[in-house]
C-alpha cells in the first residue's frame, strides 16, 4: 500500500517542530515525578502545539495559516519559559537549556519567515 502524505508534512518547519517534540520528551524525562502533571505536561503540550498549529493552518487561506503560525510562534515562547523554569529548578543542565533554546530560536525564525512569505503571496499556500 502506498504511503499517504499530506502537503504540510513537506514543510521543513513542520519537520523541525517534530524534532523539537522529541527533544522535549527526552528533556522532561529528567524532571522529578512531582512535575508530571505540572511543568512536564505544560512543556509537552506547548511543544506539540507548535507542530499541531503548523499542520492545522496549512492548506487554509494565507491569512488563516498566518493566524495558526502566530499561535505556533506563541507556543515557542511558552517553551522558552518552560525550559527556563526547568533550568532554575535544576531539572535540566545549562547545556540542555542551550540546546532547547537553539532549536526554539531556529523554529521561531522559520515560522516568522513563513509568515512574511505568506503576507507577500496572494494565493493559498
N, C-alpha and C. Protein backbone atom coordinates (compact mmCIF):
# COMPACT_ATOMS: atom_id res chain seq x y z
N UNK A 1 0.84 -1.18 0.00
CA UNK A 1 0.00 0.00 0.00
C UNK A 1 0.89 1.25 0.00
N UNK A 2 0.53 2.23 -0.81
CA UNK A 2 1.28 3.46 -0.94
C UNK A 2 1.11 4.34 0.30
N UNK A 3 2.22 4.95 0.71
CA UNK A 3 2.17 5.85 1.86
C UNK A 3 1.42 7.13 1.49
N UNK A 4 0.50 7.50 2.34
CA UNK A 4 -0.26 8.74 2.13
C UNK A 4 0.49 9.86 2.85
N UNK A 5 0.73 10.94 2.13
CA UNK A 5 1.44 12.06 2.72
C UNK A 5 0.67 13.34 2.45
N UNK A 6 0.57 14.18 3.46
CA UNK A 6 -0.12 15.46 3.35
C UNK A 6 0.90 16.55 3.02
N UNK A 7 0.46 17.59 2.32
CA UNK A 7 1.37 18.65 1.88
C UNK A 7 2.14 19.30 3.02
N UNK A 8 1.50 19.52 4.15
CA UNK A 8 2.19 20.20 5.26
C UNK A 8 3.37 19.39 5.77
N UNK A 9 3.35 18.09 5.54
CA UNK A 9 4.46 17.24 6.01
C UNK A 9 5.76 17.52 5.26
N UNK A 10 5.66 18.21 4.12
CA UNK A 10 6.85 18.58 3.35
C UNK A 10 7.49 19.86 3.86
N UNK A 11 6.79 20.60 4.70
CA UNK A 11 7.33 21.85 5.24
C UNK A 11 8.47 21.53 6.21
N UNK A 12 9.62 22.12 5.97
CA UNK A 12 10.78 21.87 6.84
C UNK A 12 10.50 22.34 8.27
N UNK A 13 9.77 23.44 8.40
CA UNK A 13 9.44 23.95 9.74
C UNK A 13 8.59 22.93 10.50
N UNK A 14 7.71 22.25 9.79
CA UNK A 14 6.91 21.20 10.44
C UNK A 14 7.80 20.04 10.87
N UNK A 15 8.70 19.61 10.00
CA UNK A 15 9.61 18.51 10.32
C UNK A 15 10.49 18.86 11.52
N UNK A 16 10.97 20.10 11.55
CA UNK A 16 11.81 20.53 12.68
C UNK A 16 10.99 20.62 13.97
N UNK A 17 9.72 20.95 13.85
CA UNK A 17 8.87 21.00 15.05
C UNK A 17 8.69 19.60 15.63
N UNK A 18 8.65 18.60 14.78
CA UNK A 18 8.58 17.21 15.28
C UNK A 18 9.87 16.82 15.98
N UNK A 19 11.01 17.25 15.43
CA UNK A 19 12.30 17.01 16.09
C UNK A 19 12.32 17.66 17.47
N UNK A 20 11.76 18.87 17.54
CA UNK A 20 11.74 19.57 18.83
C UNK A 20 10.87 18.82 19.84
N UNK A 21 9.77 18.26 19.39
CA UNK A 21 8.91 17.47 20.29
C UNK A 21 9.72 16.32 20.89
N UNK A 22 10.50 15.64 20.05
CA UNK A 22 11.35 14.55 20.55
C UNK A 22 12.31 15.06 21.62
N UNK A 23 12.90 16.22 21.37
CA UNK A 23 13.82 16.80 22.34
C UNK A 23 13.12 17.10 23.67
N UNK A 24 11.92 17.63 23.61
CA UNK A 24 11.18 17.95 24.83
C UNK A 24 10.84 16.67 25.60
N UNK A 25 10.41 15.64 24.91
CA UNK A 25 10.12 14.37 25.60
C UNK A 25 11.38 13.84 26.28
N UNK A 26 12.50 13.94 25.60
CA UNK A 26 13.76 13.49 26.19
C UNK A 26 14.13 14.36 27.39
N UNK A 27 14.00 15.67 27.23
CA UNK A 27 14.37 16.62 28.28
C UNK A 27 13.53 16.43 29.53
N UNK A 28 12.25 16.24 29.37
CA UNK A 28 11.37 16.15 30.53
C UNK A 28 11.52 14.83 31.29
N UNK A 29 12.20 13.85 30.71
CA UNK A 29 12.46 12.60 31.44
C UNK A 29 13.30 12.85 32.69
N UNK A 30 14.04 13.95 32.71
CA UNK A 30 14.88 14.30 33.86
C UNK A 30 14.11 15.03 34.95
N UNK A 31 12.88 15.40 34.66
CA UNK A 31 12.07 16.13 35.65
C UNK A 31 11.66 15.18 36.77
N UNK A 32 11.50 15.70 37.98
CA UNK A 32 11.03 14.87 39.08
C UNK A 32 9.58 14.43 38.86
N UNK A 33 9.21 13.34 39.47
CA UNK A 33 7.87 12.78 39.33
C UNK A 33 6.78 13.80 39.68
N UNK A 34 7.04 14.65 40.66
CA UNK A 34 6.03 15.61 41.09
C UNK A 34 5.66 16.61 39.98
N UNK A 35 6.52 16.73 38.96
CA UNK A 35 6.25 17.66 37.86
C UNK A 35 5.49 17.01 36.70
N UNK A 36 5.15 15.75 36.82
CA UNK A 36 4.50 15.03 35.73
C UNK A 36 3.26 15.75 35.22
N UNK A 37 2.43 16.22 36.12
CA UNK A 37 1.17 16.85 35.71
C UNK A 37 1.22 18.37 35.80
N UNK A 38 2.41 18.91 36.03
CA UNK A 38 2.54 20.35 36.14
C UNK A 38 3.43 20.85 34.99
N UNK A 39 4.68 21.10 35.26
CA UNK A 39 5.59 21.66 34.25
C UNK A 39 5.80 20.72 33.07
N UNK A 40 6.02 19.47 33.34
CA UNK A 40 6.26 18.49 32.27
C UNK A 40 5.10 18.44 31.29
N UNK A 41 3.91 18.37 31.82
CA UNK A 41 2.71 18.31 30.99
C UNK A 41 2.56 19.58 30.15
N UNK A 42 2.78 20.72 30.76
CA UNK A 42 2.65 22.00 30.05
C UNK A 42 3.70 22.11 28.95
N UNK A 43 4.91 21.68 29.25
CA UNK A 43 6.01 21.73 28.29
C UNK A 43 5.68 20.88 27.06
N UNK A 44 5.19 19.68 27.29
CA UNK A 44 4.84 18.78 26.19
C UNK A 44 3.68 19.36 25.38
N UNK A 45 2.68 19.90 26.05
CA UNK A 45 1.54 20.48 25.32
C UNK A 45 1.99 21.65 24.45
N UNK A 46 2.87 22.50 24.99
CA UNK A 46 3.35 23.65 24.23
C UNK A 46 4.18 23.20 23.03
N UNK A 47 5.04 22.21 23.22
CA UNK A 47 5.86 21.70 22.11
C UNK A 47 4.98 21.08 21.04
N UNK A 48 4.01 20.29 21.45
CA UNK A 48 3.08 19.68 20.49
C UNK A 48 2.28 20.74 19.75
N UNK A 49 1.94 21.82 20.43
CA UNK A 49 1.14 22.89 19.84
C UNK A 49 1.84 23.52 18.64
N UNK A 50 3.16 23.55 18.65
CA UNK A 50 3.89 24.13 17.52
C UNK A 50 3.58 23.34 16.25
N UNK A 51 3.80 22.03 16.31
CA UNK A 51 3.55 21.19 15.13
C UNK A 51 2.06 21.13 14.78
N UNK A 52 1.23 21.03 15.80
CA UNK A 52 -0.21 20.93 15.55
C UNK A 52 -0.76 22.17 14.84
N UNK A 53 -0.31 23.33 15.25
CA UNK A 53 -0.81 24.56 14.63
C UNK A 53 -0.26 24.77 13.22
N UNK A 54 0.97 24.35 12.99
CA UNK A 54 1.52 24.43 11.63
C UNK A 54 0.68 23.53 10.71
N UNK A 55 0.42 22.33 11.16
CA UNK A 55 -0.35 21.39 10.32
C UNK A 55 -1.79 21.84 10.16
N UNK A 56 -2.39 22.36 11.21
CA UNK A 56 -3.78 22.77 11.16
C UNK A 56 -3.99 23.97 10.23
N UNK A 57 -3.03 24.87 10.22
CA UNK A 57 -3.16 26.06 9.40
C UNK A 57 -2.84 25.85 7.93
N UNK A 58 -1.96 24.90 7.64
CA UNK A 58 -1.57 24.65 6.25
C UNK A 58 -2.78 24.22 5.44
N UNK A 59 -2.88 24.75 4.23
CA UNK A 59 -3.99 24.39 3.37
C UNK A 59 -5.16 25.35 3.48
N UNK A 60 -5.18 26.19 4.50
CA UNK A 60 -6.20 27.23 4.62
C UNK A 60 -5.77 28.43 3.79
N UNK A 61 -6.51 29.50 3.89
CA UNK A 61 -6.09 30.74 3.25
C UNK A 61 -4.79 31.20 3.90
N UNK A 62 -4.07 32.06 3.21
CA UNK A 62 -2.82 32.58 3.78
C UNK A 62 -3.07 33.30 5.10
N UNK A 63 -4.17 34.05 5.17
CA UNK A 63 -4.49 34.77 6.41
C UNK A 63 -4.75 33.79 7.56
N UNK A 64 -5.48 32.72 7.28
CA UNK A 64 -5.75 31.71 8.31
C UNK A 64 -4.47 30.99 8.72
N UNK A 65 -3.67 30.62 7.72
CA UNK A 65 -2.41 29.94 8.01
C UNK A 65 -1.53 30.83 8.86
N UNK A 66 -1.50 32.12 8.53
CA UNK A 66 -0.70 33.07 9.30
C UNK A 66 -1.17 33.12 10.76
N UNK A 67 -2.47 33.05 10.97
CA UNK A 67 -3.03 33.06 12.32
C UNK A 67 -2.55 31.83 13.10
N UNK A 68 -2.58 30.67 12.47
CA UNK A 68 -2.11 29.45 13.13
C UNK A 68 -0.60 29.49 13.37
N UNK A 69 0.13 30.08 12.43
CA UNK A 69 1.57 30.22 12.63
C UNK A 69 1.87 31.13 13.82
N UNK A 70 1.03 32.16 14.02
CA UNK A 70 1.23 33.03 15.17
C UNK A 70 1.03 32.25 16.47
N UNK A 71 0.06 31.37 16.49
CA UNK A 71 -0.17 30.53 17.67
C UNK A 71 1.04 29.60 17.89
N UNK A 72 1.57 29.05 16.80
CA UNK A 72 2.76 28.20 16.90
C UNK A 72 3.94 29.00 17.44
N UNK A 73 4.08 30.24 16.98
CA UNK A 73 5.14 31.11 17.46
C UNK A 73 4.97 31.42 18.95
N UNK A 74 3.73 31.66 19.36
CA UNK A 74 3.45 31.88 20.78
C UNK A 74 3.84 30.65 21.61
N UNK A 75 3.62 29.48 21.06
CA UNK A 75 3.97 28.24 21.76
C UNK A 75 5.48 28.07 21.88
N UNK A 76 6.24 28.60 20.91
CA UNK A 76 7.70 28.53 21.05
C UNK A 76 8.14 29.35 22.27
N UNK A 77 7.51 30.51 22.46
CA UNK A 77 7.86 31.34 23.62
C UNK A 77 7.44 30.66 24.93
N UNK A 78 6.33 29.97 24.89
CA UNK A 78 5.90 29.21 26.07
C UNK A 78 6.93 28.14 26.42
N UNK A 79 7.50 27.51 25.40
CA UNK A 79 8.53 26.50 25.62
C UNK A 79 9.81 27.12 26.20
N UNK A 80 10.12 28.34 25.80
CA UNK A 80 11.27 29.04 26.37
C UNK A 80 11.09 29.18 27.88
N UNK A 81 9.89 29.57 28.29
CA UNK A 81 9.61 29.75 29.72
C UNK A 81 9.69 28.41 30.44
N UNK A 82 9.13 27.37 29.86
CA UNK A 82 9.19 26.04 30.48
C UNK A 82 10.63 25.59 30.67
N UNK A 83 11.46 25.82 29.66
CA UNK A 83 12.86 25.44 29.75
C UNK A 83 13.59 26.27 30.81
N UNK A 84 13.26 27.55 30.87
CA UNK A 84 13.88 28.42 31.88
C UNK A 84 13.51 27.98 33.29
N UNK A 85 12.26 27.66 33.50
CA UNK A 85 11.82 27.17 34.81
C UNK A 85 12.55 25.88 35.15
N UNK A 86 12.66 24.98 34.18
CA UNK A 86 13.36 23.72 34.41
C UNK A 86 14.82 23.96 34.77
N UNK A 87 15.44 24.94 34.13
CA UNK A 87 16.82 25.28 34.44
C UNK A 87 16.94 25.86 35.85
N UNK A 88 16.07 26.80 36.18
CA UNK A 88 16.09 27.42 37.51
C UNK A 88 15.88 26.37 38.61
N UNK A 89 14.98 25.44 38.35
CA UNK A 89 14.68 24.38 39.33
C UNK A 89 15.72 23.26 39.30
N UNK A 90 16.70 23.40 38.39
CA UNK A 90 17.80 22.43 38.24
C UNK A 90 17.32 21.05 37.78
N UNK A 91 16.26 21.04 36.97
CA UNK A 91 15.78 19.80 36.36
C UNK A 91 16.59 19.47 35.11
N UNK A 92 17.15 20.53 34.49
CA UNK A 92 17.98 20.35 33.30
C UNK A 92 19.27 21.14 33.48
N UNK A 93 20.27 20.77 32.70
CA UNK A 93 21.56 21.47 32.75
C UNK A 93 21.52 22.72 31.88
N UNK A 94 22.51 23.54 32.06
CA UNK A 94 22.66 24.74 31.24
C UNK A 94 22.85 24.35 29.77
N UNK A 95 23.58 23.27 29.52
CA UNK A 95 23.80 22.80 28.15
C UNK A 95 22.48 22.34 27.51
N UNK A 96 21.68 21.64 28.28
CA UNK A 96 20.38 21.19 27.75
C UNK A 96 19.49 22.40 27.44
N UNK A 97 19.50 23.38 28.32
CA UNK A 97 18.73 24.59 28.10
C UNK A 97 19.19 25.31 26.82
N UNK A 98 20.51 25.36 26.61
CA UNK A 98 21.04 26.00 25.41
C UNK A 98 20.59 25.26 24.15
N UNK A 99 20.58 23.94 24.20
CA UNK A 99 20.14 23.14 23.06
C UNK A 99 18.66 23.41 22.75
N UNK A 100 17.85 23.42 23.79
CA UNK A 100 16.42 23.69 23.62
C UNK A 100 16.22 25.08 23.03
N UNK A 101 16.90 26.07 23.61
CA UNK A 101 16.75 27.45 23.15
C UNK A 101 17.23 27.61 21.70
N UNK A 102 18.28 26.91 21.35
CA UNK A 102 18.80 26.97 19.98
C UNK A 102 17.75 26.45 18.99
N UNK A 103 17.13 25.33 19.31
CA UNK A 103 16.09 24.79 18.43
C UNK A 103 14.87 25.70 18.39
N UNK A 104 14.52 26.27 19.52
CA UNK A 104 13.37 27.20 19.55
C UNK A 104 13.66 28.47 18.74
N UNK A 105 14.89 28.96 18.82
CA UNK A 105 15.26 30.15 18.04
C UNK A 105 15.16 29.85 16.55
N UNK A 106 15.62 28.66 16.16
CA UNK A 106 15.53 28.28 14.75
C UNK A 106 14.06 28.15 14.31
N UNK A 107 13.25 27.50 15.12
CA UNK A 107 11.82 27.37 14.80
C UNK A 107 11.17 28.75 14.70
N UNK A 108 11.48 29.63 15.62
CA UNK A 108 10.91 30.98 15.61
C UNK A 108 11.27 31.72 14.33
N UNK A 109 12.54 31.63 13.94
CA UNK A 109 12.97 32.28 12.69
C UNK A 109 12.23 31.70 11.48
N UNK A 110 12.10 30.39 11.46
CA UNK A 110 11.44 29.74 10.33
C UNK A 110 9.96 30.10 10.25
N UNK A 111 9.30 30.12 11.40
CA UNK A 111 7.88 30.47 11.44
C UNK A 111 7.70 31.92 10.99
N UNK A 112 8.53 32.81 11.50
CA UNK A 112 8.45 34.22 11.14
C UNK A 112 8.70 34.42 9.65
N UNK A 113 9.65 33.69 9.12
CA UNK A 113 9.95 33.77 7.68
C UNK A 113 8.76 33.31 6.85
N UNK A 114 8.14 32.22 7.29
CA UNK A 114 6.97 31.71 6.58
C UNK A 114 5.82 32.71 6.65
N UNK A 115 5.66 33.34 7.79
CA UNK A 115 4.62 34.37 7.92
C UNK A 115 4.86 35.51 6.94
N UNK A 116 6.10 35.97 6.83
CA UNK A 116 6.43 37.06 5.90
C UNK A 116 6.16 36.62 4.46
N UNK A 117 6.51 35.39 4.17
CA UNK A 117 6.27 34.85 2.82
C UNK A 117 4.78 34.84 2.51
N UNK A 118 3.98 34.41 3.46
CA UNK A 118 2.53 34.34 3.25
C UNK A 118 1.91 35.72 3.05
N UNK A 119 2.41 36.71 3.77
CA UNK A 119 1.87 38.07 3.64
C UNK A 119 2.15 38.64 2.26
N UNK A 120 3.22 38.20 1.62
CA UNK A 120 3.59 38.71 0.31
C UNK A 120 3.07 37.84 -0.84
N UNK A 121 2.39 36.78 -0.50
CA UNK A 121 1.88 35.85 -1.52
C UNK A 121 0.37 35.96 -1.60
N UNK A 122 -0.20 36.26 -2.75
CA UNK A 122 -1.64 36.50 -2.84
C UNK A 122 -2.52 35.26 -2.74
N UNK A 123 -2.00 34.11 -3.13
CA UNK A 123 -2.85 32.90 -3.16
C UNK A 123 -2.64 32.02 -1.94
N UNK A 124 -3.39 30.93 -1.88
CA UNK A 124 -3.23 29.97 -0.78
C UNK A 124 -1.88 29.31 -0.87
N UNK A 125 -1.36 28.93 0.28
CA UNK A 125 -0.06 28.26 0.33
C UNK A 125 -0.19 26.85 -0.10
